[in-house]
Amino acid sequence: MTSQAFYPIGTPGRPWGEAEVAAWRSRQRVQRSYAAQVLGAVEALRARFEVAEYGRLDYPSGSYPLFAIRSSAWRDDLPVALVTGGVHGYETSGVHGALQFVEQHAAAYAGQVNLLVAPCVSPWGYERIHRWNPDALDPNRSFREHSPAQESAALMRLVAPWRERVLMHIDLHETTDSDESEFRPALAARDGKPYEPGTVPDGFYLCADSARLQPAFQQAVIAAVEKVTHIAPADPDGTIIGSLVVARGVIEYDYGKLGLCAGITAAPYKTTTEVYPDSPRATPAQCNAAQAAAVCAAIDYALAHRA
């Protein structure tokens, strides 16, 4: 991580080229195992759920199979609930919260909804605890036609057959201290822009789609998560990470314009979670449980209010 005034790669004011991307990539080191920590957990679910490889990422540093978990008794007359995690690979509870939901709660929804869970969209980033893929691209800004990010393109292909049938999509994320110490400075350097320090909120919050806010849906998720961990307060200017708080614990982004994961379907109910794992008031177990609670609340609300 770096706290330097200027990021140690590139020239201030000049966007990165191939040489800078290569220099950045050479600094990334494997710090944990996707195979052991994620694929092992997925494999353990195979006896109770359908597990399928939906793509494979091929990079010079290695090849990564991508797996999705879905209801074993899939029914065409039921709506689809989509759960995605690890779009930013370094956001640990997004991955393990999705897996915990499947392990502990998914069976309760049999016969009510078809579940489709992609627990780790970005395994290269998971292993290196980074936000980007090896091309210095942010998968969560790359969910668009002809995506330059393999991770995003693979997930969109997986979801395409059910895009119009998805009732609810929840995308599980974290906001961490390293956002300010590493990732936002790196982003500014990559794009040749000055780094403007921000704040990291202490607590859980949601990012809603500005095109479909569904305030009651968002608040139902907040209420469920508050039983597990604390909700982030607004900064003195009424914002969280620089975005106006539109309801308690809720900000909004334009999913489609930004190419965000939670915008890839026509779901009437969609949200992006943000857990704060660096809080002294939250443990890793709480963070995973908060993600699982958010998924349950989102599905419950969507099913209760489906048209």
C-alpha atoms as a PDB file:
ATOM      1  CA  MET A   1       0.000   0.000   0.000  1.00  0.00           C
ATOM      2  CA  THR A   2       1.138   3.592  -0.522  1.00  0.00           C
ATOM      3  CA  SER A   3       0.430   6.900   1.141  1.00  0.00           C
ATOM      4  CA  GLN A   4       2.784   8.934  -1.039  1.00  0.00           C
ATOM      5  CA  ALA A   5       1.662  12.225  -2.524  1.00  0.00           C
ATOM      6  CA  PHE A   6       2.257  10.723  -5.953  1.00  0.00           C
ATOM      7  CA  TYR A   7       1.678   7.104  -6.828  1.00  0.00           C
ATOM      8  CA  PRO A   8       5.022   5.349  -7.439  1.00  0.00           C
ATOM      9  CA  ILE A   9       4.117   4.376 -11.016  1.00  0.00           C
ATOM     10  CA  GLY A  10       3.696   6.803 -13.882  1.00  0.00           C
ATOM     11  CA  THR A  11       4.135  10.516 -14.400  1.00  0.00           C
ATOM     12  CA  PRO A  12       1.726  12.931 -12.694  1.00  0.00           C
ATOM     13  CA  GLY A  13      -0.748  14.304 -15.212  1.00  0.00           C
ATOM     14  CA  ARG A  14      -0.104  11.596 -17.810  1.00  0.00           C
ATOM     15  CA  PRO A  15      -2.338   8.495 -18.148  1.00  0.00           C
ATOM     16  CA  TRP A  16      -0.644   5.130 -18.034  1.00  0.00           C
ATOM     17  CA  GLY A  17       0.423   3.301 -21.136  1.00  0.00           C
ATOM     18  CA  GLU A  18       1.398  -0.337 -21.550  1.00  0.00           C
ATOM     19  CA  ALA A  19       4.734   0.141 -19.758  1.00  0.00           C
ATOM     20  CA  GLU A  20       3.090   1.582 -16.664  1.00  0.00           C
ATOM     21  CA  VAL A  21       0.440  -1.143 -16.588  1.00  0.00           C
ATOM     22  CA  ALA A  22       3.193  -3.754 -16.848  1.00  0.00           C
ATOM     23  CA  ALA A  23       5.112  -2.083 -14.016  1.00  0.00           C
ATOM     24  CA  TRP A  24       1.991  -2.026 -11.861  1.00  0.00           C
ATOM     25  CA  ARG A  25       1.225  -5.691 -12.637  1.00  0.00           C
ATOM     26  CA  SER A  26       4.778  -6.730 -11.708  1.00  0.00           C
ATOM     27  CA  ARG A  27       4.185  -5.387  -8.186  1.00  0.00           C
ATOM     28  CA  GLN A  28       1.142  -7.584  -7.540  1.00  0.00           C
ATOM     29  CA  ARG A  29       1.798 -10.744  -5.531  1.00  0.00           C
ATOM     30  CA  VAL A  30      -0.383 -13.752  -4.778  1.00  0.00           C
ATOM     31  CA  GLN A  31      -1.446 -13.477  -1.127  1.00  0.00           C
ATOM     32  CA  ARG A  32      -4.153 -16.138  -0.868  1.00  0.00           C
ATOM     33  CA  SER A  33      -5.542 -19.097  -2.792  1.00  0.00           C
ATOM     34  CA  TYR A  34      -8.658 -18.949  -4.945  1.00  0.00           C
ATOM     35  CA  ALA A  35      -8.516 -22.729  -5.387  1.00  0.00           C
ATOM     36  CA  ALA A  36      -8.315 -23.527  -1.682  1.00  0.00           C
ATOM     37  CA  GLN A  37     -10.502 -20.801  -0.213  1.00  0.00           C
ATOM     38  CA  VAL A  38     -13.166 -20.359  -2.888  1.00  0.00           C
ATOM     39  CA  LEU A  39     -13.264 -23.372  -5.194  1.00  0.00           C
ATOM     40  CA  GLY A  40     -12.993 -25.701  -2.215  1.00  0.00           C
ATOM     41  CA  ALA A  41     -16.051 -24.080  -0.653  1.00  0.00           C
ATOM     42  CA  VAL A  42     -17.938 -24.202  -3.951  1.00  0.00           C
ATOM     43  CA  GLU A  43     -17.126 -27.873  -4.393  1.00  0.00           C
ATOM     44  CA  ALA A  44     -18.527 -28.638  -0.932  1.00  0.00           C
ATOM     45  CA  LEU A  45     -21.895 -27.264  -2.082  1.00  0.00           C
ATOM     46  CA  ARG A  46     -22.127 -29.514  -5.134  1.00  0.00           C
ATOM     47  CA  ALA A  47     -24.088 -32.228  -3.287  1.00  0.00           C
ATOM     48  CA  ARG A  48     -26.966 -29.831  -2.598  1.00  0.00           C
ATOM     49  CA  PHE A  49     -26.856 -27.390  -5.517  1.00  0.00           C
ATOM     50  CA  GLU A  50     -26.039 -27.333  -9.183  1.00  0.00           C
ATOM     51  CA  VAL A  51     -22.497 -26.081  -9.725  1.00  0.00           C
ATOM     52  CA  ALA A  52     -21.340 -25.170 -13.228  1.00  0.00           C
ATOM     53  CA  GLU A  53     -18.278 -23.588 -14.791  1.00  0.00           C
ATOM     54  CA  TYR A  54     -19.486 -20.535 -16.715  1.00  0.00           C
ATOM     55  CA  GLY A  55     -16.172 -19.320 -18.059  1.00  0.00           C
ATOM     56  CA  ARG A  56     -12.423 -19.304 -17.689  1.00  0.00           C
ATOM     57  CA  LEU A  57     -10.014 -16.404 -17.375  1.00  0.00           C
ATOM     58  CA  ASP A  58      -6.767 -16.947 -19.204  1.00  0.00           C
ATOM     59  CA  TYR A  59      -3.912 -14.658 -18.217  1.00  0.00           C
ATOM     60  CA  PRO A  60      -0.151 -15.078 -18.605  1.00  0.00           C
ATOM     61  CA  SER A  61       0.067 -15.576 -14.851  1.00  0.00           C
ATOM     62  CA  GLY A  62      -2.467 -18.406 -14.861  1.00  0.00           C
ATOM     63  CA  SER A  63      -5.914 -19.690 -15.751  1.00  0.00           C
ATOM     64  CA  TYR A  64      -8.943 -19.336 -13.490  1.00  0.00           C
ATOM     65  CA  PRO A  65     -12.194 -21.295 -13.856  1.00  0.00           C
ATOM     66  CA  LEU A  66     -15.328 -19.344 -12.963  1.00  0.00           C
ATOM     67  CA  PHE A  67     -18.144 -21.136 -11.181  1.00  0.00           C
ATOM     68  CA  ALA A  68     -21.780 -20.347 -10.513  1.00  0.00           C
ATOM     69  CA  ILE A  69     -24.095 -22.056  -8.044  1.00  0.00           C
ATOM     70  CA  ARG A  70     -27.772 -22.409  -8.842  1.00  0.00           C
ATOM     71  CA  SER A  71     -30.896 -24.049  -7.492  1.00  0.00           C
ATOM     72  CA  SER A  72     -30.880 -27.782  -8.133  1.00  0.00           C
ATOM     73  CA  ALA A  73     -34.622 -27.798  -8.850  1.00  0.00           C
ATOM     74  CA  TRP A  74     -34.660 -24.928 -11.340  1.00  0.00           C
ATOM     75  CA  ARG A  75     -38.179 -24.112 -12.484  1.00  0.00           C
ATOM     76  CA  ASP A  76     -39.063 -22.023 -15.505  1.00  0.00           C
ATOM     77  CA  ASP A  77     -42.201 -20.703 -13.789  1.00  0.00           C
ATOM     78  CA  LEU A  78     -40.202 -19.058 -10.989  1.00  0.00           C
ATOM     79  CA  PRO A  79     -38.372 -15.727 -11.012  1.00  0.00           C
ATOM     80  CA  VAL A  80     -34.591 -15.539 -10.687  1.00  0.00           C
ATOM     81  CA  ALA A  81     -32.630 -14.012  -7.817  1.00  0.00           C
ATOM     82  CA  LEU A  82     -29.056 -13.152  -8.795  1.00  0.00           C
ATOM     83  CA  VAL A  83     -26.284 -12.832  -6.203  1.00  0.00           C
ATOM     84  CA  THR A  84     -22.800 -11.721  -7.225  1.00  0.00           C
ATOM     85  CA  GLY A  85     -19.672 -11.361  -5.106  1.00  0.00           C
ATOM     86  CA  GLY A  86     -16.000 -10.677  -5.608  1.00  0.00           C
ATOM     87  CA  VAL A  87     -16.455  -8.387  -8.586  1.00  0.00           C
ATOM     88  CA  HIS A  88     -13.696  -6.519  -6.809  1.00  0.00           C
ATOM     89  CA  GLY A  89     -11.565  -9.461  -5.779  1.00  0.00           C
ATOM     90  CA  TYR A  90     -10.068  -7.826  -2.705  1.00  0.00           C
ATOM     91  CA  GLU A  91     -13.486  -7.368  -1.057  1.00  0.00           C
ATOM     92  CA  THR A  92     -13.386 -10.538   1.007  1.00  0.00           C
ATOM     93  CA  SER A  93     -16.851 -10.607   2.574  1.00  0.00           C
ATOM     94  CA  GLY A  94     -18.436 -10.197  -0.836  1.00  0.00           C
ATOM     95  CA  VAL A  95     -17.047 -13.603  -1.772  1.00  0.00           C
ATOM     96  CA  HIS A  96     -17.463 -15.399   1.533  1.00  0.00           C
ATOM     97  CA  GLY A  97     -20.757 -13.723   2.358  1.00  0.00           C
ATOM     98  CA  ALA A  98     -22.198 -15.071  -0.898  1.00  0.00           C
ATOM     99  CA  LEU A  99     -20.909 -18.547  -0.064  1.00  0.00           C
ATOM    100  CA  GLN A 100     -22.282 -18.291   3.476  1.00  0.00           C
ATOM    101  CA  PHE A 101     -25.696 -17.354   2.102  1.00  0.00           C
ATOM    102  CA  VAL A 102     -25.720 -20.464  -0.079  1.00  0.00           C
ATOM    103  CA  GLU A 103     -24.470 -22.715   2.709  1.00  0.00           C
ATOM    104  CA  GLN A 104     -26.808 -21.472   5.429  1.00  0.00           C
ATOM    105  CA  HIS A 105     -29.875 -19.933   3.783  1.00  0.00           C
ATOM    106  CA  ALA A 106     -30.359 -20.878   0.139  1.00  0.00           C
ATOM    107  CA  ALA A 107     -32.241 -24.118   0.793  1.00  0.00           C
ATOM    108  CA  ALA A 108     -35.041 -22.154   2.480  1.00  0.00           C
ATOM    109  CA  TYR A 109     -35.930 -20.571  -0.870  1.00  0.00           C
ATOM    110  CA  ALA A 110     -36.486 -23.841  -2.740  1.00  0.00           C
ATOM    111  CA  GLY A 111     -39.723 -23.674  -4.686  1.00  0.00           C
ATOM    112  CA  GLN A 112     -39.992 -19.897  -4.276  1.00  0.00           C
ATOM    113  CA  VAL A 113     -37.260 -18.538  -6.518  1.00  0.00           C
ATOM    114  CA  ASN A 114     -34.456 -19.756  -8.763  1.00  0.00           C
ATOM    115  CA  LEU A 115     -31.125 -18.781  -7.199  1.00  0.00           C
ATOM    116  CA  LEU A 116     -28.090 -17.954  -9.332  1.00  0.00           C
ATOM    117  CA  VAL A 117     -24.954 -17.131  -7.346  1.00  0.00           C
ATOM    118  CA  ALA A 118     -21.567 -16.139  -8.788  1.00  0.00           C
ATOM    119  CA  PRO A 119     -19.473 -15.870  -5.609  1.00  0.00           C
ATOM    120  CA  CYS A 120     -16.111 -14.759  -7.017  1.00  0.00           C
ATOM    121  CA  VAL A 121     -16.267 -12.892 -10.318  1.00  0.00           C
ATOM    122  CA  SER A 122     -12.617 -11.735 -10.163  1.00  0.00           C
ATOM    123  CA  PRO A 123     -10.337 -14.526  -8.899  1.00  0.00           C
ATOM    124  CA  TRP A 124      -7.087 -12.867 -10.047  1.00  0.00           C
ATOM    125  CA  GLY A 125      -7.961  -9.875  -7.899  1.00  0.00           C
ATOM    126  CA  TYR A 126      -9.053 -12.167  -5.050  1.00  0.00           C
ATOM    127  CA  GLU A 127      -5.641 -13.823  -4.908  1.00  0.00           C
ATOM    128  CA  ARG A 128      -3.732 -10.542  -5.075  1.00  0.00           C
ATOM    129  CA  ILE A 129      -6.179  -8.605  -2.895  1.00  0.00           C
ATOM    130  CA  HIS A 130      -6.728  -5.995  -5.576  1.00  0.00           C
ATOM    131  CA  ARG A 131      -9.603  -4.113  -7.108  1.00  0.00           C
ATOM    132  CA  TRP A 132      -8.480  -4.425 -10.724  1.00  0.00           C
ATOM    133  CA  ASN A 133      -7.781  -7.267 -13.126  1.00  0.00           C
ATOM    134  CA  PRO A 134      -4.241  -7.774 -14.525  1.00  0.00           C
ATOM    135  CA  ASP A 135      -4.900  -5.244 -17.283  1.00  0.00           C
ATOM    136  CA  ALA A 136      -5.442  -2.542 -14.616  1.00  0.00           C
ATOM    137  CA  LEU A 137      -9.145  -2.512 -15.489  1.00  0.00           C
ATOM    138  CA  ASP A 138     -11.890  -2.251 -12.905  1.00  0.00           C
ATOM    139  CA  PRO A 139     -14.414  -5.009 -13.658  1.00  0.00           C
ATOM    140  CA  ASN A 140     -17.095  -2.998 -11.860  1.00  0.00           C
ATOM    141  CA  ARG A 141     -16.796  -0.243 -14.419  1.00  0.00           C
ATOM    142  CA  SER A 142     -16.735  -2.668 -17.348  1.00  0.00           C
ATOM    143  CA  PHE A 143     -20.204  -4.226 -17.501  1.00  0.00           C
ATOM    144  CA  ARG A 144     -21.071  -2.982 -20.964  1.00  0.00           C
ATOM    145  CA  GLU A 145     -21.308  -4.289 -24.509  1.00  0.00           C
ATOM    146  CA  HIS A 146     -17.935  -5.452 -25.847  1.00  0.00           C
ATOM    147  CA  SER A 147     -16.499  -5.292 -22.341  1.00  0.00           C
ATOM    148  CA  PRO A 148     -12.690  -5.048 -22.221  1.00  0.00           C
ATOM    149  CA  ALA A 149     -12.673  -7.032 -18.943  1.00  0.00           C
ATOM    150  CA  GLN A 150     -12.848 -10.824 -19.234  1.00  0.00           C
ATOM    151  CA  GLU A 151     -14.468 -11.059 -15.812  1.00  0.00           C
ATOM    152  CA  SER A 152     -17.345  -8.767 -16.737  1.00  0.00           C
ATOM    153  CA  ALA A 153     -17.895 -10.315 -20.160  1.00  0.00           C
ATOM    154  CA  ALA A 154     -18.058 -13.825 -18.692  1.00  0.00           C
ATOM    155  CA  LEU A 155     -20.661 -12.866 -16.088  1.00  0.00           C
ATOM    156  CA  MET A 156     -22.805 -11.102 -18.673  1.00  0.00           C
ATOM    157  CA  ARG A 157     -22.774 -14.230 -20.836  1.00  0.00           C
ATOM    158  CA  LEU A 158     -23.840 -16.306 -17.839  1.00  0.00           C
ATOM    159  CA  VAL A 159     -26.757 -14.026 -17.001  1.00  0.00           C
ATOM    160  CA  ALA A 160     -27.910 -13.291 -20.566  1.00  0.00           C
ATOM    161  CA  PRO A 161     -30.488 -16.146 -20.863  1.00  0.00           C
ATOM    162  CA  TRP A 162     -32.316 -14.905 -17.751  1.00  0.00           C
ATOM    163  CA  ARG A 163     -31.697 -11.171 -18.023  1.00  0.00           C
ATOM    164  CA  GLU A 164     -35.384 -10.296 -18.376  1.00  0.00           C
ATOM    165  CA  ARG A 165     -36.507 -12.790 -15.710  1.00  0.00           C
ATOM    166  CA  VAL A 166     -34.293 -11.616 -12.860  1.00  0.00           C
ATOM    167  CA  LEU A 167     -36.479 -10.285 -10.062  1.00  0.00           C
ATOM    168  CA  MET A 168     -33.663  -9.230  -7.750  1.00  0.00           C
ATOM    169  CA  HIS A 169     -29.919  -8.688  -8.130  1.00  0.00           C
ATOM    170  CA  ILE A 170     -27.704  -7.964  -5.143  1.00  0.00           C
ATOM    171  CA  ASP A 171     -23.998  -7.322  -5.710  1.00  0.00           C
ATOM    172  CA  LEU A 172     -21.826  -7.747  -2.603  1.00  0.00           C
ATOM    173  CA  HIS A 173     -18.978  -5.281  -2.017  1.00  0.00           C
ATOM    174  CA  GLU A 174     -16.792  -3.706   0.666  1.00  0.00           C
ATOM    175  CA  THR A 175     -15.346  -0.250   1.240  1.00  0.00           C
ATOM    176  CA  THR A 176     -11.940  -0.605   2.907  1.00  0.00           C
ATOM    177  CA  ASP A 177      -9.202   1.615   4.311  1.00  0.00           C
ATOM    178  CA  SER A 178      -7.066   0.503   1.374  1.00  0.00           C
ATOM    179  CA  ASP A 179      -9.462   2.358  -0.946  1.00  0.00           C
ATOM    180  CA  GLU A 180      -7.773   5.550   0.218  1.00  0.00           C
ATOM    181  CA  SER A 181      -4.257   4.211   0.838  1.00  0.00           C
ATOM    182  CA  GLU A 182      -3.911   2.330  -2.452  1.00  0.00           C
ATOM    183  CA  PHE A 183      -6.785   2.012  -4.875  1.00  0.00           C
ATOM    184  CA  ARG A 184      -7.929   5.595  -5.335  1.00  0.00           C
ATOM    185  CA  PRO A 185      -4.348   6.892  -5.593  1.00  0.00           C
ATOM    186  CA  ALA A 186      -3.676   4.156  -8.175  1.00  0.00           C
ATOM    187  CA  LEU A 187      -6.810   5.103 -10.106  1.00  0.00           C
ATOM    188  CA  ALA A 188      -5.794   8.755 -10.185  1.00  0.00           C
ATOM    189  CA  ALA A 189      -2.302   7.836 -11.369  1.00  0.00           C
ATOM    190  CA  ARG A 190      -3.627   5.434 -14.027  1.00  0.00           C
ATOM    191  CA  ASP A 191      -5.912   8.114 -15.443  1.00  0.00           C
ATOM    192  CA  GLY A 192      -3.387  10.943 -15.174  1.00  0.00           C
ATOM    193  CA  LYS A 193      -5.500  12.877 -12.691  1.00  0.00           C
ATOM    194  CA  PRO A 194      -4.648  14.418  -9.332  1.00  0.00           C
ATOM    195  CA  TYR A 195      -5.483  12.311  -6.292  1.00  0.00           C
ATOM    196  CA  GLU A 196      -8.108  13.970  -4.128  1.00  0.00           C
ATOM    197  CA  PRO A 197      -8.296  12.347  -0.676  1.00  0.00           C
ATOM    198  CA  GLY A 198     -11.683  11.158   0.504  1.00  0.00           C
ATOM    199  CA  THR A 199     -13.173   9.551   3.577  1.00  0.00           C
ATOM    200  CA  VAL A 200     -13.929   5.919   4.358  1.00  0.00           C
ATOM    201  CA  PRO A 201     -17.318   5.445   6.063  1.00  0.00           C
ATOM    202  CA  ASP A 202     -17.423   3.399   9.258  1.00  0.00           C
ATOM    203  CA  GLY A 203     -20.273   0.978   8.692  1.00  0.00           C
ATOM    204  CA  PHE A 204     -22.525  -0.745   6.195  1.00  0.00           C
ATOM    205  CA  TYR A 205     -24.288   1.152   3.414  1.00  0.00           C
ATOM    206  CA  LEU A 206     -26.004   0.515   0.096  1.00  0.00           C
ATOM    207  CA  CYS A 207     -25.642   1.988  -3.351  1.00  0.00           C
ATOM    208  CA  ALA A 208     -28.973   2.103  -5.203  1.00  0.00           C
ATOM    209  CA  ASP A 209     -29.547   2.531  -8.931  1.00  0.00           C
ATOM    210  CA  SER A 210     -30.535   6.137  -9.610  1.00  0.00           C
ATOM    211  CA  ALA A 211     -32.736   4.881 -12.459  1.00  0.00           C
ATOM    212  CA  ARG A 212     -34.721   2.619 -10.092  1.00  0.00           C
ATOM    213  CA  LEU A 213     -34.291   3.640  -6.476  1.00  0.00           C
ATOM    214  CA  GLN A 214     -36.914   1.415  -4.775  1.00  0.00           C
ATOM    215  CA  PRO A 215     -36.462   3.176  -1.394  1.00  0.00           C
ATOM    216  CA  ALA A 216     -38.577   0.710   0.598  1.00  0.00           C
ATOM    217  CA  PHE A 217     -36.528  -2.182  -0.790  1.00  0.00           C
ATOM    218  CA  GLN A 218     -33.259  -0.486   0.154  1.00  0.00           C
ATOM    219  CA  GLN A 219     -34.506   0.246   3.677  1.00  0.00           C
ATOM    220  CA  ALA A 220     -35.645  -3.348   4.156  1.00  0.00           C
ATOM    221  CA  VAL A 221     -32.058  -4.456   3.501  1.00  0.00           C
ATOM    222  CA  ILE A 222     -30.671  -1.788   5.848  1.00  0.00           C
ATOM    223  CA  ALA A 223     -33.063  -2.877   8.607  1.00  0.00           C
ATOM    224  CA  ALA A 224     -31.987  -6.510   8.305  1.00  0.00           C
ATOM    225  CA  VAL A 225     -28.276  -5.749   8.270  1.00  0.00           C
ATOM    226  CA  GLU A 226     -28.561  -3.413  11.252  1.00  0.00           C
ATOM    227  CA  LYS A 227     -29.313  -6.488  13.364  1.00  0.00           C
ATOM    228  CA  VAL A 228     -25.848  -7.798  12.445  1.00  0.00           C
ATOM    229  CA  THR A 229     -23.601  -4.740  12.167  1.00  0.00           C
ATOM    230  CA  HIS A 230     -23.778  -0.954  12.320  1.00  0.00           C
ATOM    231  CA  ILE A 231     -24.940   1.332   9.507  1.00  0.00           C
ATOM    232  CA  ALA A 232     -22.598   4.035   8.210  1.00  0.00           C
ATOM    233  CA  PRO A 233     -23.558   7.592   9.145  1.00  0.00           C
ATOM    234  CA  ALA A 234     -23.380  10.397   6.613  1.00  0.00           C
ATOM    235  CA  ASP A 235     -20.377  12.701   6.626  1.00  0.00           C
ATOM    236  CA  PRO A 236     -21.033  16.259   7.888  1.00  0.00           C
ATOM    237  CA  ASP A 237     -21.814  17.365   4.335  1.00  0.00           C
ATOM    238  CA  GLY A 238     -24.563  14.757   4.022  1.00  0.00           C
ATOM    239  CA  THR A 239     -22.577  12.391   1.793  1.00  0.00           C
ATOM    240  CA  ILE A 240     -20.981   8.949   1.897  1.00  0.00           C
ATOM    241  CA  ILE A 241     -17.852   8.562  -0.269  1.00  0.00           C
ATOM    242  CA  GLY A 242     -18.765  11.912  -1.815  1.00  0.00           C
ATOM    243  CA  SER A 243     -22.288  10.892  -2.889  1.00  0.00           C
ATOM    244  CA  LEU A 244     -25.423  12.404  -1.396  1.00  0.00           C
ATOM    245  CA  VAL A 245     -27.179  10.199   1.151  1.00  0.00           C
ATOM    246  CA  VAL A 246     -30.734   9.804  -0.184  1.00  0.00           C
ATOM    247  CA  ALA A 247     -31.990   7.718   2.759  1.00  0.00           C
ATOM    248  CA  ARG A 248     -30.402   6.288   5.879  1.00  0.00           C
ATOM    249  CA  GLY A 249     -27.407   4.255   4.765  1.00  0.00           C
ATOM    250  CA  VAL A 250     -28.205   4.665   1.053  1.00  0.00           C
ATOM    251  CA  ILE A 251     -26.473   6.531  -1.755  1.00  0.00           C
ATOM    252  CA  GLU A 252     -27.116   6.196  -5.461  1.00  0.00           C
ATOM    253  CA  TYR A 253     -25.166   5.740  -8.693  1.00  0.00           C
ATOM    254  CA  ASP A 254     -26.263   5.459 -12.305  1.00  0.00           C
ATOM    255  CA  TYR A 255     -25.561   1.746 -12.761  1.00  0.00           C
ATOM    256  CA  GLY A 256     -25.894   1.725 -16.531  1.00  0.00           C
ATOM    257  CA  LYS A 257     -23.793   4.807 -17.204  1.00  0.00           C
ATOM    258  CA  LEU A 258     -20.980   3.610 -14.945  1.00  0.00           C
ATOM    259  CA  GLY A 259     -20.997  -0.002 -16.182  1.00  0.00           C
ATOM    260  CA  LEU A 260     -21.711  -1.438 -12.735  1.00  0.00           C
ATOM    261  CA  CYS A 261     -22.389  -5.124 -12.149  1.00  0.00           C
ATOM    262  CA  ALA A 262     -25.802  -4.598 -10.559  1.00  0.00           C
ATOM    263  CA  GLY A 263     -27.010  -2.977 -13.779  1.00  0.00           C
ATOM    264  CA  ILE A 264     -26.658  -6.048 -16.015  1.00  0.00           C
ATOM    265  CA  THR A 265     -30.271  -7.209 -15.713  1.00  0.00           C
ATOM    266  CA  ALA A 266     -33.748  -5.731 -15.968  1.00  0.00           C
ATOM    267  CA  ALA A 267     -34.430  -6.624 -12.319  1.00  0.00           C
ATOM    268  CA  PRO A 268     -36.929  -4.295 -10.634  1.00  0.00           C
ATOM    269  CA  TYR A 269     -35.076  -4.798  -7.344  1.00  0.00           C
ATOM    270  CA  LYS A 270     -31.324  -4.268  -7.329  1.00  0.00           C
ATOM    271  CA  THR A 271     -28.737  -2.985  -4.907  1.00  0.00           C
ATOM    272  CA  THR A 272     -25.010  -2.937  -4.181  1.00  0.00           C
ATOM    273  CA  THR A 273     -23.861  -3.620  -0.619  1.00  0.00           C
ATOM    274  CA  GLU A 274     -20.845  -2.016   1.007  1.00  0.00           C
ATOM    275  CA  VAL A 275     -19.414  -3.566   4.184  1.00  0.00           C
ATOM    276  CA  TYR A 276     -16.598  -1.892   6.155  1.00  0.00           C
ATOM    277  CA  PRO A 277     -14.274  -4.706   7.298  1.00  0.00           C
ATOM    278  CA  ASP A 278     -11.678  -2.395   8.879  1.00  0.00           C
ATOM    279  CA  SER A 279     -14.016  -1.083  11.556  1.00  0.00           C
ATOM    280  CA  PRO A 280     -13.028  -1.837  15.168  1.00  0.00           C
ATOM    281  CA  ARG A 281     -16.738  -2.522  15.653  1.00  0.00           C
ATOM    282  CA  ALA A 282     -16.951  -5.390  13.144  1.00  0.00           C
ATOM    283  CA  THR A 283     -15.308  -8.802  12.866  1.00  0.00           C
ATOM    284  CA  PRO A 284     -14.771 -10.807   9.653  1.00  0.00           C
ATOM    285  CA  ALA A 285     -17.576 -13.120  10.773  1.00  0.00           C
ATOM    286  CA  GLN A 286     -19.909 -10.145  11.199  1.00  0.00           C
ATOM    287  CA  CYS A 287     -19.015  -8.868   7.740  1.00  0.00           C
ATOM    288  CA  ASN A 288     -19.846 -12.210   6.139  1.00  0.00           C
ATOM    289  CA  ALA A 289     -23.055 -12.469   8.156  1.00  0.00           C
ATOM    290  CA  ALA A 290     -24.045  -8.937   7.156  1.00  0.00           C
ATOM    291  CA  GLN A 291     -23.698  -9.834   3.485  1.00  0.00           C
ATOM    292  CA  ALA A 292     -25.754 -13.002   3.941  1.00  0.00           C
ATOM    293  CA  ALA A 293     -28.424 -11.072   5.861  1.00  0.00           C
ATOM    294  CA  ALA A 294     -28.576  -8.493   3.069  1.00  0.00           C
ATOM    295  CA  VAL A 295     -29.144 -11.233   0.495  1.00  0.00           C
ATOM    296  CA  CYS A 296     -31.950 -12.819   2.521  1.00  0.00           C
ATOM    297  CA  ALA A 297     -33.660  -9.468   3.107  1.00  0.00           C
ATOM    298  CA  ALA A 298     -33.401  -8.532  -0.552  1.00  0.00           C
ATOM    299  CA  ILE A 299     -34.920 -11.819  -1.708  1.00  0.00           C
ATOM    300  CA  ASP A 300     -37.649 -11.705   0.934  1.00  0.00           C
ATOM    301  CA  TYR A 301     -38.697  -8.192  -0.027  1.00  0.00           C
ATOM    302  CA  ALA A 302     -38.621  -8.918  -3.750  1.00  0.00           C
ATOM    303  CA  LEU A 303     -40.748 -12.032  -3.360  1.00  0.00           C
ATOM    304  CA  ALA A 304     -43.256 -10.233  -1.122  1.00  0.00           C
ATOM    305  CA  HIS A 305     -43.630  -7.350  -3.582  1.00  0.00           C
ATOM    306  CA  ARG A 306     -43.330  -9.021  -6.967  1.00  0.00           C
ATOM    307  CA  ALA A 307     -45.862  -7.854  -9.515  1.00  0.00           C
END
